[in-house]
Amino acid sequence: MQRGHDTPASHCLFDGVIGPTRRKQLQVFVRDNNVDQALRVLKKKMQREGVFREMKRRRYFEKPSERATREKAEAVRRRRKVARKQAVRDGLIAAPKKRIEMGKGKMSGTVQPRGRSG
């Protein structure tokens, strides 16, 4: 058996590389021949796992110094996010305004856009 392929190929829809040595298997079951819904579920799982971000990063070679810089910046962002959430929980800063959704379509009725303005 090859490494990372413990199940038959017919059962494995996607075998994504998560790290240099660790593999994670994503499975999606098609119910009632509804392939469109299964594809949506697969894309959502891949998005959560960071597969698309990983593919985008691996399009071009990343020098080790660039990788270290990027990883440090990601760590800083994570730390700031955790600190901001903790400050909201402690009541030191106001919670961000919640988005109000009126319909089910994309961008329908969103009152507060996320991100920076200007």
N, C-alpha and C. Protein backbone atom coordinates (compact mmCIF):
# COMPACT_ATOMS: atom_id res chain seq x y z
N MET A 1 0.83 -1.20 0.00
CA MET A 1 0.00 0.00 0.00
C MET A 1 0.86 1.25 0.00
N GLN A 2 0.42 2.25 -0.72
CA GLN A 2 1.15 3.50 -0.74
C GLN A 2 0.80 4.32 0.50
N ARG A 3 1.71 5.21 0.84
CA ARG A 3 1.51 6.06 2.02
C ARG A 3 0.37 7.04 1.77
N GLY A 4 -0.57 7.12 2.71
CA GLY A 4 -1.65 8.09 2.60
C GLY A 4 -2.85 7.57 1.83
N HIS A 5 -2.78 6.36 1.30
CA HIS A 5 -3.90 5.81 0.53
C HIS A 5 -4.37 4.54 1.22
N ASP A 6 -5.06 4.69 2.34
CA ASP A 6 -5.51 3.54 3.12
C ASP A 6 -6.84 3.01 2.61
N THR A 7 -7.59 3.82 1.88
CA THR A 7 -8.89 3.39 1.40
C THR A 7 -8.83 3.19 -0.11
N PRO A 8 -9.73 2.39 -0.64
CA PRO A 8 -9.76 2.22 -2.10
C PRO A 8 -10.04 3.54 -2.80
N ALA A 9 -9.54 3.67 -4.03
CA ALA A 9 -9.69 4.92 -4.77
C ALA A 9 -11.14 5.24 -5.04
N SER A 10 -12.02 4.25 -5.11
CA SER A 10 -13.43 4.52 -5.39
C SER A 10 -14.10 5.27 -4.24
N HIS A 11 -13.58 5.13 -3.02
CA HIS A 11 -14.18 5.80 -1.86
C HIS A 11 -13.55 7.14 -1.58
N CYS A 12 -12.38 7.42 -2.12
CA CYS A 12 -11.63 8.63 -1.82
C CYS A 12 -11.83 9.65 -2.93
N LEU A 13 -12.57 10.73 -2.64
CA LEU A 13 -12.80 11.75 -3.65
C LEU A 13 -11.67 12.76 -3.71
N PHE A 14 -11.04 13.04 -2.57
CA PHE A 14 -9.96 14.01 -2.55
C PHE A 14 -9.00 13.64 -1.45
N ASP A 15 -7.73 13.59 -1.77
CA ASP A 15 -6.71 13.29 -0.78
C ASP A 15 -5.75 14.47 -0.80
N GLY A 16 -6.00 15.47 0.05
CA GLY A 16 -5.24 16.71 0.00
C GLY A 16 -4.05 16.70 0.92
N VAL A 17 -3.01 17.38 0.52
CA VAL A 17 -1.81 17.50 1.34
C VAL A 17 -2.02 18.68 2.29
N ILE A 18 -1.98 18.43 3.57
CA ILE A 18 -2.17 19.48 4.56
C ILE A 18 -0.83 19.99 5.05
N GLY A 19 0.12 19.13 5.20
CA GLY A 19 1.45 19.53 5.65
C GLY A 19 2.49 18.75 4.88
N PRO A 20 3.77 18.93 5.23
CA PRO A 20 4.82 18.24 4.50
C PRO A 20 4.75 16.72 4.65
N THR A 21 4.28 16.20 5.79
CA THR A 21 4.22 14.76 5.97
C THR A 21 2.82 14.28 6.33
N ARG A 22 1.94 15.17 6.72
CA ARG A 22 0.61 14.78 7.18
C ARG A 22 -0.40 14.90 6.04
N ARG A 23 -1.22 13.89 5.86
CA ARG A 23 -2.28 13.92 4.85
C ARG A 23 -3.62 13.83 5.54
N LYS A 24 -4.58 14.51 4.96
CA LYS A 24 -5.93 14.46 5.51
C LYS A 24 -6.88 14.11 4.38
N GLN A 25 -7.76 13.19 4.62
CA GLN A 25 -8.66 12.73 3.59
C GLN A 25 -10.01 13.42 3.76
N LEU A 26 -10.51 13.99 2.68
CA LEU A 26 -11.83 14.61 2.68
C LEU A 26 -12.78 13.69 1.93
N GLN A 27 -13.91 13.39 2.54
CA GLN A 27 -14.89 12.55 1.88
C GLN A 27 -16.20 13.29 1.79
N VAL A 28 -16.85 13.15 0.65
CA VAL A 28 -18.17 13.72 0.44
C VAL A 28 -19.04 12.63 -0.14
N PHE A 29 -20.21 12.44 0.43
CA PHE A 29 -21.12 11.43 -0.04
C PHE A 29 -22.19 12.08 -0.92
N VAL A 30 -22.45 11.46 -2.06
CA VAL A 30 -23.47 11.95 -2.98
C VAL A 30 -24.78 11.26 -2.61
N ARG A 31 -25.77 12.05 -2.25
CA ARG A 31 -27.06 11.50 -1.86
C ARG A 31 -28.09 11.78 -2.94
N ASP A 32 -28.86 10.80 -3.29
CA ASP A 32 -29.94 10.92 -4.28
C ASP A 32 -29.44 11.50 -5.60
N ASN A 33 -28.25 11.12 -6.02
CA ASN A 33 -27.64 11.59 -7.27
C ASN A 33 -27.56 13.11 -7.35
N ASN A 34 -27.46 13.78 -6.22
CA ASN A 34 -27.38 15.24 -6.18
C ASN A 34 -25.90 15.63 -6.15
N VAL A 35 -25.29 15.67 -7.34
CA VAL A 35 -23.86 15.95 -7.46
C VAL A 35 -23.58 17.42 -7.17
N ASP A 36 -24.49 18.31 -7.55
CA ASP A 36 -24.28 19.75 -7.31
C ASP A 36 -24.13 20.04 -5.83
N GLN A 37 -24.99 19.44 -5.02
CA GLN A 37 -24.92 19.67 -3.57
C GLN A 37 -23.63 19.07 -3.01
N ALA A 38 -23.23 17.89 -3.52
CA ALA A 38 -22.00 17.26 -3.05
C ALA A 38 -20.79 18.12 -3.41
N LEU A 39 -20.80 18.74 -4.59
CA LEU A 39 -19.70 19.62 -4.98
C LEU A 39 -19.63 20.85 -4.07
N ARG A 40 -20.78 21.42 -3.73
CA ARG A 40 -20.80 22.56 -2.82
C ARG A 40 -20.21 22.19 -1.47
N VAL A 41 -20.58 21.01 -0.98
CA VAL A 41 -20.06 20.55 0.31
C VAL A 41 -18.56 20.33 0.23
N LEU A 42 -18.10 19.73 -0.90
CA LEU A 42 -16.66 19.49 -1.07
C LEU A 42 -15.89 20.80 -1.11
N LYS A 43 -16.39 21.79 -1.86
CA LYS A 43 -15.72 23.08 -1.95
C LYS A 43 -15.66 23.75 -0.59
N LYS A 44 -16.73 23.65 0.18
CA LYS A 44 -16.76 24.26 1.52
C LYS A 44 -15.73 23.59 2.43
N LYS A 45 -15.64 22.26 2.37
CA LYS A 45 -14.66 21.54 3.18
C LYS A 45 -13.24 21.92 2.78
N MET A 46 -13.01 22.02 1.45
CA MET A 46 -11.68 22.38 0.97
C MET A 46 -11.32 23.80 1.40
N GLN A 47 -12.30 24.69 1.39
CA GLN A 47 -12.07 26.07 1.83
C GLN A 47 -11.68 26.10 3.30
N ARG A 48 -12.40 25.34 4.12
CA ARG A 48 -12.10 25.30 5.56
C ARG A 48 -10.73 24.73 5.85
N GLU A 49 -10.33 23.72 5.07
CA GLU A 49 -9.03 23.08 5.27
C GLU A 49 -7.87 23.92 4.74
N GLY A 50 -8.17 24.94 3.94
CA GLY A 50 -7.12 25.79 3.41
C GLY A 50 -6.46 25.24 2.16
N VAL A 51 -7.15 24.35 1.45
CA VAL A 51 -6.57 23.73 0.25
C VAL A 51 -6.38 24.77 -0.84
N PHE A 52 -7.36 25.65 -1.04
CA PHE A 52 -7.25 26.65 -2.10
C PHE A 52 -6.11 27.62 -1.82
N ARG A 53 -5.96 28.03 -0.56
CA ARG A 53 -4.87 28.93 -0.18
C ARG A 53 -3.53 28.25 -0.42
N GLU A 54 -3.46 26.96 -0.09
CA GLU A 54 -2.23 26.19 -0.29
C GLU A 54 -1.89 26.07 -1.77
N MET A 55 -2.90 25.82 -2.60
CA MET A 55 -2.66 25.71 -4.04
C MET A 55 -2.18 27.04 -4.61
N LYS A 56 -2.76 28.12 -4.16
CA LYS A 56 -2.36 29.44 -4.64
C LYS A 56 -0.91 29.74 -4.24
N ARG A 57 -0.55 29.36 -3.00
CA ARG A 57 0.81 29.60 -2.52
C ARG A 57 1.83 28.78 -3.29
N ARG A 58 1.46 27.57 -3.69
CA ARG A 58 2.41 26.66 -4.34
C ARG A 58 2.51 26.86 -5.84
N ARG A 59 1.82 27.85 -6.40
CA ARG A 59 1.96 28.11 -7.83
C ARG A 59 3.38 28.49 -8.20
N TYR A 60 4.01 29.23 -7.32
CA TYR A 60 5.37 29.70 -7.56
C TYR A 60 6.23 29.30 -6.37
N PHE A 61 7.53 29.21 -6.62
CA PHE A 61 8.46 28.87 -5.56
C PHE A 61 8.53 30.01 -4.54
N GLU A 62 8.53 29.62 -3.28
CA GLU A 62 8.63 30.60 -2.20
C GLU A 62 9.96 30.40 -1.50
N LYS A 63 10.78 31.43 -1.50
CA LYS A 63 12.08 31.32 -0.86
C LYS A 63 11.90 31.09 0.64
N PRO A 64 12.84 30.40 1.28
CA PRO A 64 12.72 30.16 2.72
C PRO A 64 12.59 31.44 3.53
N SER A 65 13.28 32.50 3.12
CA SER A 65 13.18 33.76 3.87
C SER A 65 11.78 34.36 3.71
N GLU A 66 11.18 34.25 2.50
CA GLU A 66 9.82 34.74 2.29
C GLU A 66 8.83 33.93 3.09
N ARG A 67 9.07 32.62 3.16
CA ARG A 67 8.18 31.74 3.93
C ARG A 67 8.20 32.11 5.41
N ALA A 68 9.41 32.33 5.94
CA ALA A 68 9.53 32.70 7.36
C ALA A 68 8.83 34.03 7.62
N THR A 69 9.00 35.00 6.72
CA THR A 69 8.34 36.30 6.88
C THR A 69 6.83 36.13 6.87
N ARG A 70 6.31 35.33 5.92
CA ARG A 70 4.86 35.12 5.82
C ARG A 70 4.33 34.43 7.07
N GLU A 71 5.05 33.39 7.54
CA GLU A 71 4.58 32.67 8.72
C GLU A 71 4.58 33.55 9.96
N LYS A 72 5.58 34.44 10.09
CA LYS A 72 5.60 35.37 11.22
C LYS A 72 4.42 36.33 11.16
N ALA A 73 4.14 36.83 9.94
CA ALA A 73 3.01 37.75 9.78
C ALA A 73 1.69 37.05 10.11
N GLU A 74 1.54 35.78 9.69
CA GLU A 74 0.33 35.03 10.01
C GLU A 74 0.20 34.83 11.51
N ALA A 75 1.31 34.55 12.19
CA ALA A 75 1.27 34.37 13.64
C ALA A 75 0.87 35.66 14.34
N VAL A 76 1.39 36.79 13.86
CA VAL A 76 1.03 38.09 14.45
C VAL A 76 -0.46 38.34 14.28
N ARG A 77 -0.98 38.05 13.06
CA ARG A 77 -2.42 38.24 12.83
C ARG A 77 -3.25 37.36 13.74
N ARG A 78 -2.84 36.10 13.91
CA ARG A 78 -3.58 35.19 14.80
C ARG A 78 -3.57 35.71 16.24
N ARG A 79 -2.38 36.15 16.70
CA ARG A 79 -2.29 36.66 18.08
C ARG A 79 -3.16 37.89 18.27
N ARG A 80 -3.14 38.81 17.29
CA ARG A 80 -3.98 40.00 17.40
C ARG A 80 -5.46 39.65 17.44
N LYS A 81 -5.85 38.67 16.62
CA LYS A 81 -7.25 38.26 16.59
C LYS A 81 -7.68 37.68 17.94
N VAL A 82 -6.82 36.83 18.52
CA VAL A 82 -7.13 36.24 19.83
C VAL A 82 -7.20 37.34 20.89
N ALA A 83 -6.26 38.29 20.85
CA ALA A 83 -6.25 39.38 21.83
C ALA A 83 -7.50 40.25 21.68
N ARG A 84 -7.90 40.50 20.42
CA ARG A 84 -9.10 41.32 20.18
C ARG A 84 -10.34 40.62 20.71
N LYS A 85 -10.46 39.32 20.47
CA LYS A 85 -11.61 38.56 20.97
C LYS A 85 -11.63 38.55 22.50
N GLN A 86 -10.46 38.39 23.11
CA GLN A 86 -10.39 38.39 24.56
C GLN A 86 -10.77 39.75 25.12
N ALA A 87 -10.34 40.82 24.47
CA ALA A 87 -10.68 42.17 24.93
C ALA A 87 -12.18 42.41 24.83
N VAL A 88 -12.82 41.88 23.79
CA VAL A 88 -14.28 42.01 23.66
C VAL A 88 -14.95 41.24 24.78
N ARG A 89 -14.46 40.02 25.06
CA ARG A 89 -15.05 39.22 26.14
C ARG A 89 -14.89 39.90 27.50
N ASP A 90 -13.75 40.56 27.71
CA ASP A 90 -13.50 41.23 28.98
C ASP A 90 -14.21 42.58 29.07
N GLY A 91 -14.78 43.04 27.96
CA GLY A 91 -15.49 44.30 27.95
C GLY A 91 -14.59 45.51 27.81
N LEU A 92 -13.35 45.31 27.39
CA LEU A 92 -12.43 46.43 27.24
C LEU A 92 -12.69 47.22 25.96
N ILE A 93 -13.17 46.53 24.91
CA ILE A 93 -13.52 47.22 23.67
C ILE A 93 -14.91 46.75 23.24
N ALA A 94 -15.57 47.56 22.43
CA ALA A 94 -16.91 47.23 21.96
C ALA A 94 -16.84 46.12 20.92
N ALA A 95 -17.85 45.29 20.91
CA ALA A 95 -17.92 44.22 19.92
C ALA A 95 -18.17 44.82 18.54
N PRO A 96 -17.66 44.17 17.49
CA PRO A 96 -17.91 44.69 16.14
C PRO A 96 -19.40 44.62 15.81
N LYS A 97 -19.85 45.55 14.96
CA LYS A 97 -21.26 45.59 14.59
C LYS A 97 -21.60 44.34 13.80
N LYS A 98 -22.77 43.78 14.09
CA LYS A 98 -23.21 42.57 13.41
C LYS A 98 -23.83 42.93 12.07
N ARG A 99 -23.65 42.02 11.12
CA ARG A 99 -24.24 42.21 9.80
C ARG A 99 -25.69 41.80 9.85
N ILE A 100 -26.55 42.56 9.19
CA ILE A 100 -27.97 42.24 9.13
C ILE A 100 -28.27 41.72 7.73
N GLU A 101 -28.73 40.47 7.65
CA GLU A 101 -29.02 39.87 6.37
C GLU A 101 -30.53 39.83 6.19
N MET A 102 -31.00 40.33 5.04
CA MET A 102 -32.44 40.39 4.79
C MET A 102 -32.90 39.25 3.90
N GLY A 103 -32.07 38.85 2.94
CA GLY A 103 -32.49 37.80 2.01
C GLY A 103 -31.50 36.67 1.99
N LYS A 104 -31.69 35.77 1.03
CA LYS A 104 -30.80 34.63 0.94
C LYS A 104 -29.74 34.79 -0.13
N GLY A 105 -29.86 35.78 -1.02
CA GLY A 105 -28.92 35.96 -2.12
C GLY A 105 -27.61 36.54 -1.66
N LYS A 106 -26.64 36.56 -2.57
CA LYS A 106 -25.33 37.12 -2.24
C LYS A 106 -25.47 38.63 -2.05
N MET A 107 -24.90 39.13 -0.98
CA MET A 107 -24.85 40.56 -0.68
C MET A 107 -26.23 41.21 -0.60
N SER A 108 -27.28 40.43 -0.42
CA SER A 108 -28.61 41.04 -0.36
C SER A 108 -28.87 41.55 1.04
N GLY A 109 -29.09 42.82 1.15
CA GLY A 109 -29.47 43.42 2.41
C GLY A 109 -28.36 43.55 3.42
N THR A 110 -27.13 43.44 3.03
CA THR A 110 -26.06 43.61 4.00
C THR A 110 -25.93 45.09 4.32
N VAL A 111 -25.99 45.39 5.59
CA VAL A 111 -25.95 46.78 6.02
C VAL A 111 -24.53 47.23 6.27
N GLN A 112 -23.74 46.40 6.94
CA GLN A 112 -22.40 46.78 7.35
C GLN A 112 -21.37 45.97 6.57
N PRO A 113 -20.66 46.56 5.60
CA PRO A 113 -19.64 45.79 4.90
C PRO A 113 -18.46 45.50 5.83
N ARG A 114 -17.85 44.35 5.63
CA ARG A 114 -16.71 43.98 6.46
C ARG A 114 -15.43 44.50 5.84
N GLY A 115 -14.47 44.79 6.65
CA GLY A 115 -13.18 45.26 6.14
C GLY A 115 -13.04 46.75 6.28
N ARG A 116 -11.98 47.25 5.69
CA ARG A 116 -11.68 48.68 5.80
C ARG A 116 -12.43 49.47 4.74
N SER A 117 -12.77 50.70 5.08
CA SER A 117 -13.41 51.56 4.11
C SER A 117 -12.49 52.74 3.85
N GLY A 118 -12.45 53.15 2.59
CA GLY A 118 -11.64 54.33 2.31
C GLY A 118 -10.61 54.12 1.36
